[in-house]
C-alpha atoms as a PDB file:
ATOM      1  CA  MET A   1      86.332  95.610 119.117  1.00  0.00           C
ATOM      2  CA  LYS A   2      82.266  96.504 118.630  1.00  0.00           C
ATOM      3  CA  GLN A   3      82.318  99.102 115.851  1.00  0.00           C
ATOM      4  CA  SER A   4      80.741 101.572 118.182  1.00  0.00           C
ATOM      5  CA  ASN A   5      83.708 100.942 120.840  1.00  0.00           C
ATOM      6  CA  LEU A   6      86.263 102.010 118.068  1.00  0.00           C
ATOM      7  CA  LEU A   7      84.444 105.248 117.361  1.00  0.00           C
ATOM      8  CA  LYS A   8      84.756 106.241 121.128  1.00  0.00           C
ATOM      9  CA  LEU A   9      87.965 105.297 120.739  1.00  0.00           C
ATOM     10  CA  ILE A  10      88.518 107.668 117.855  1.00  0.00           C
ATOM     11  CA  MET A  11      86.666 110.287 118.856  1.00  0.00           C
ATOM     12  CA  ALA A  12      88.434 110.179 122.453  1.00  0.00           C
ATOM     13  CA  GLY A  13      91.616 110.189 120.199  1.00  0.00           C
ATOM     14  CA  ALA A  14      90.047 112.853 118.027  1.00  0.00           C
ATOM     15  CA  LEU A  15      89.766 115.612 121.621  1.00  0.00           C
ATOM     16  CA  ALA A  16      92.892 114.648 122.749  1.00  0.00           C
ATOM     17  CA  THR A  17      95.194 115.853 120.073  1.00  0.00           C
ATOM     18  CA  THR A  18      93.237 119.231 119.513  1.00  0.00           C
ATOM     19  CA  GLY A  19      94.286 120.048 123.174  1.00  0.00           C
ATOM     20  CA  ILE A  20      91.181 119.364 124.702  1.00  0.00           C
ATOM     21  CA  ALA A  21      91.715 118.468 128.411  1.00  0.00           C
ATOM     22  CA  ALA A  22      87.876 118.497 129.858  1.00  0.00           C
ATOM     23  CA  HIS A  23      86.751 115.348 128.504  1.00  0.00           C
ATOM     24  CA  ALA A  24      85.426 112.687 129.513  1.00  0.00           C
ATOM     25  CA  LEU A  25      82.587 109.688 128.438  1.00  0.00           C
ATOM     26  CA  ASP A  26      79.281 109.230 130.009  1.00  0.00           C
ATOM     27  CA  GLN A  27      77.216 105.848 130.845  1.00  0.00           C
ATOM     28  CA  GLY A  28      76.071 105.916 127.233  1.00  0.00           C
ATOM     29  CA  GLY A  29      79.698 106.418 125.704  1.00  0.00           C
ATOM     30  CA  ILE A  30      78.888 109.749 124.979  1.00  0.00           C
ATOM     31  CA  ILE A  31      81.692 112.381 125.279  1.00  0.00           C
ATOM     32  CA  LYS A  32      80.873 115.662 127.298  1.00  0.00           C
ATOM     33  CA  ILE A  33      83.172 118.668 127.014  1.00  0.00           C
ATOM     34  CA  ALA A  34      83.634 120.566 130.056  1.00  0.00           C
ATOM     35  CA  ASP A  35      81.626 124.350 130.522  1.00  0.00           C
ATOM     36  CA  SER A  36      84.153 126.913 129.819  1.00  0.00           C
ATOM     37  CA  SER A  37      82.223 130.365 130.790  1.00  0.00           C
ATOM     38  CA  GLY A  38      84.813 130.177 133.913  1.00  0.00           C
ATOM     39  CA  ALA A  39      87.471 128.266 131.959  1.00  0.00           C
ATOM     40  CA  SER A  40      90.615 129.746 131.312  1.00  0.00           C
ATOM     41  CA  GLY A  41      90.994 131.573 127.412  1.00  0.00           C
ATOM     42  CA  VAL A  42      92.596 128.341 126.324  1.00  0.00           C
ATOM     43  CA  MET A  43      89.556 126.036 126.304  1.00  0.00           C
ATOM     44  CA  SER A  44      87.328 129.226 124.870  1.00  0.00           C
ATOM     45  CA  ASP A  45      90.077 129.046 122.367  1.00  0.00           C
ATOM     46  CA  THR A  46      89.874 125.717 121.339  1.00  0.00           C
ATOM     47  CA  GLY A  47      86.141 125.503 121.157  1.00  0.00           C
ATOM     48  CA  ARG A  48      86.045 128.210 119.175  1.00  0.00           C
ATOM     49  CA  LYS A  49      88.929 126.348 116.208  1.00  0.00           C
ATOM     50  CA  ILE A  50      86.699 123.814 116.518  1.00  0.00           C
ATOM     51  CA  ASP A  51      83.840 125.743 115.578  1.00  0.00           C
ATOM     52  CA  ASP A  52      85.016 127.553 113.135  1.00  0.00           C
ATOM     53  CA  SER A  53      86.804 123.726 111.483  1.00  0.00           C
ATOM     54  CA  ALA A  54      83.139 122.810 111.824  1.00  0.00           C
ATOM     55  CA  LEU A  55      82.120 125.624 109.856  1.00  0.00           C
ATOM     56  CA  THR A  56      84.418 125.841 107.130  1.00  0.00           C
ATOM     57  CA  ALA A  57      83.517 122.171 106.349  1.00  0.00           C
ATOM     58  CA  LYS A  58      79.740 123.041 106.373  1.00  0.00           C
ATOM     59  CA  VAL A  59      80.508 125.915 103.777  1.00  0.00           C
ATOM     60  CA  LYS A  60      82.752 123.034 101.763  1.00  0.00           C
ATOM     61  CA  ALA A  61      79.782 121.195 102.054  1.00  0.00           C
ATOM     62  CA  GLU A  62      77.174 123.855 100.832  1.00  0.00           C
ATOM     63  CA  LEU A  63      79.405 125.084  97.862  1.00  0.00           C
ATOM     64  CA  LEU A  64      79.951 121.808  96.712  1.00  0.00           C
ATOM     65  CA  ALA A  65      76.209 120.913  96.252  1.00  0.00           C
ATOM     66  CA  LYS A  66      75.738 124.234  94.924  1.00  0.00           C
ATOM     67  CA  LYS A  67      75.669 123.626  90.671  1.00  0.00           C
ATOM     68  CA  ASP A  68      78.014 126.105  88.902  1.00  0.00           C
ATOM     69  CA  VAL A  69      80.068 126.564  91.093  1.00  0.00           C
ATOM     70  CA  PRO A  70      83.691 125.449  90.694  1.00  0.00           C
ATOM     71  CA  SER A  71      84.075 124.249  93.982  1.00  0.00           C
ATOM     72  CA  THR A  72      87.640 122.924  93.970  1.00  0.00           C
ATOM     73  CA  LYS A  73      88.906 126.385  93.176  1.00  0.00           C
ATOM     74  CA  VAL A  74      87.401 128.042  96.135  1.00  0.00           C
ATOM     75  CA  HIS A  75      89.351 128.289  99.050  1.00  0.00           C
ATOM     76  CA  VAL A  76      87.601 128.637 102.617  1.00  0.00           C
ATOM     77  CA  THR A  77      89.283 129.484 106.003  1.00  0.00           C
ATOM     78  CA  THR A  78      87.248 130.485 108.755  1.00  0.00           C
ATOM     79  CA  ARG A  79      87.883 132.550 112.357  1.00  0.00           C
ATOM     80  CA  GLN A  80      85.637 133.877 114.702  1.00  0.00           C
ATOM     81  CA  GLY A  81      82.833 132.969 112.423  1.00  0.00           C
ATOM     82  CA  VAL A  82      84.109 135.114 109.422  1.00  0.00           C
ATOM     83  CA  VAL A  83      84.539 133.006 106.355  1.00  0.00           C
ATOM     84  CA  HIS A  84      87.424 133.881 103.702  1.00  0.00           C
ATOM     85  CA  LEU A  85      87.114 133.081 100.699  1.00  0.00           C
ATOM     86  CA  THR A  86      90.316 133.300  98.132  1.00  0.00           C
ATOM     87  CA  GLY A  87      90.791 131.269  94.981  1.00  0.00           C
ATOM     88  CA  SER A  88      89.624 131.795  91.696  1.00  0.00           C
ATOM     89  CA  VAL A  89      86.183 131.504  89.922  1.00  0.00           C
ATOM     90  CA  PRO A  90      86.117 131.848  85.979  1.00  0.00           C
ATOM     91  CA  GLN A  91      83.179 134.534  85.920  1.00  0.00           C
ATOM     92  CA  SER A  92      81.991 137.637  88.231  1.00  0.00           C
ATOM     93  CA  ALA A  93      78.135 135.858  88.630  1.00  0.00           C
ATOM     94  CA  GLN A  94      79.776 132.634  89.708  1.00  0.00           C
ATOM     95  CA  ARG A  95      81.804 135.029  92.494  1.00  0.00           C
ATOM     96  CA  THR A  96      78.678 136.698  93.223  1.00  0.00           C
ATOM     97  CA  LEU A  97      76.661 132.889  93.852  1.00  0.00           C
ATOM     98  CA  VAL A  98      79.570 131.854  96.172  1.00  0.00           C
ATOM     99  CA  VAL A  99      79.666 134.490  98.152  1.00  0.00           C
ATOM    100  CA  ASP A 100      75.730 134.584  98.550  1.00  0.00           C
ATOM    101  CA  THR A 101      75.768 130.978  98.779  1.00  0.00           C
ATOM    102  CA  VAL A 102      78.383 131.037 102.483  1.00  0.00           C
ATOM    103  CA  LYS A 103      76.418 133.990 103.665  1.00  0.00           C
ATOM    104  CA  GLY A 104      73.604 131.504 103.568  1.00  0.00           C
ATOM    105  CA  VAL A 105      75.549 129.300 105.714  1.00  0.00           C
ATOM    106  CA  ASP A 106      74.048 128.990 109.323  1.00  0.00           C
ATOM    107  CA  GLY A 107      76.383 129.753 111.743  1.00  0.00           C
ATOM    108  CA  VAL A 108      78.416 132.509 109.459  1.00  0.00           C
ATOM    109  CA  VAL A 109      79.254 135.889 111.233  1.00  0.00           C
ATOM    110  CA  ASP A 110      80.763 137.317 107.792  1.00  0.00           C
ATOM    111  CA  VAL A 111      82.182 136.710 104.383  1.00  0.00           C
ATOM    112  CA  LYS A 112      85.607 138.551 103.347  1.00  0.00           C
ATOM    113  CA  ASP A 113      85.304 137.840  99.595  1.00  0.00           C
ATOM    114  CA  ASP A 114      88.965 137.171  98.094  1.00  0.00           C
ATOM    115  CA  LEU A 115      87.573 135.604  95.093  1.00  0.00           C
ATOM    116  CA  LYS A 116      89.772 136.765  91.917  1.00  0.00           C
ATOM    117  CA  VAL A 117      87.498 136.795  88.326  1.00  0.00           C
ATOM    118  CA  MET A 118      89.585 134.493  85.539  1.00  0.00           C
ATOM    119  CA  LYS A 119      88.260 134.959  82.147  1.00  0.00           C
END
């Protein structure tokens, strides 16, 4: 099986398992998702969950790229664009750096900071 066909199959399977029913492959193999503006709340909730998951991944990547941030001790969850930070950092300066970094990520609506400073 060609690599592009395998990728299409994987993407279609991933979308199917997340509960998105209104999707199709166009002639070029691009996955299209139906516009949910007139659909029920189920589609918009599913789309929001996917957006939140993508935002969580983006925030985690930014934290991993930051020097002086113990990113493995910082836990990130996102709901409707609000990023919730839990876990611990060794110094208050690192807590500030984490929060400021997250606030700077495109798509973050707000940050709920529940990080603990462990000395």
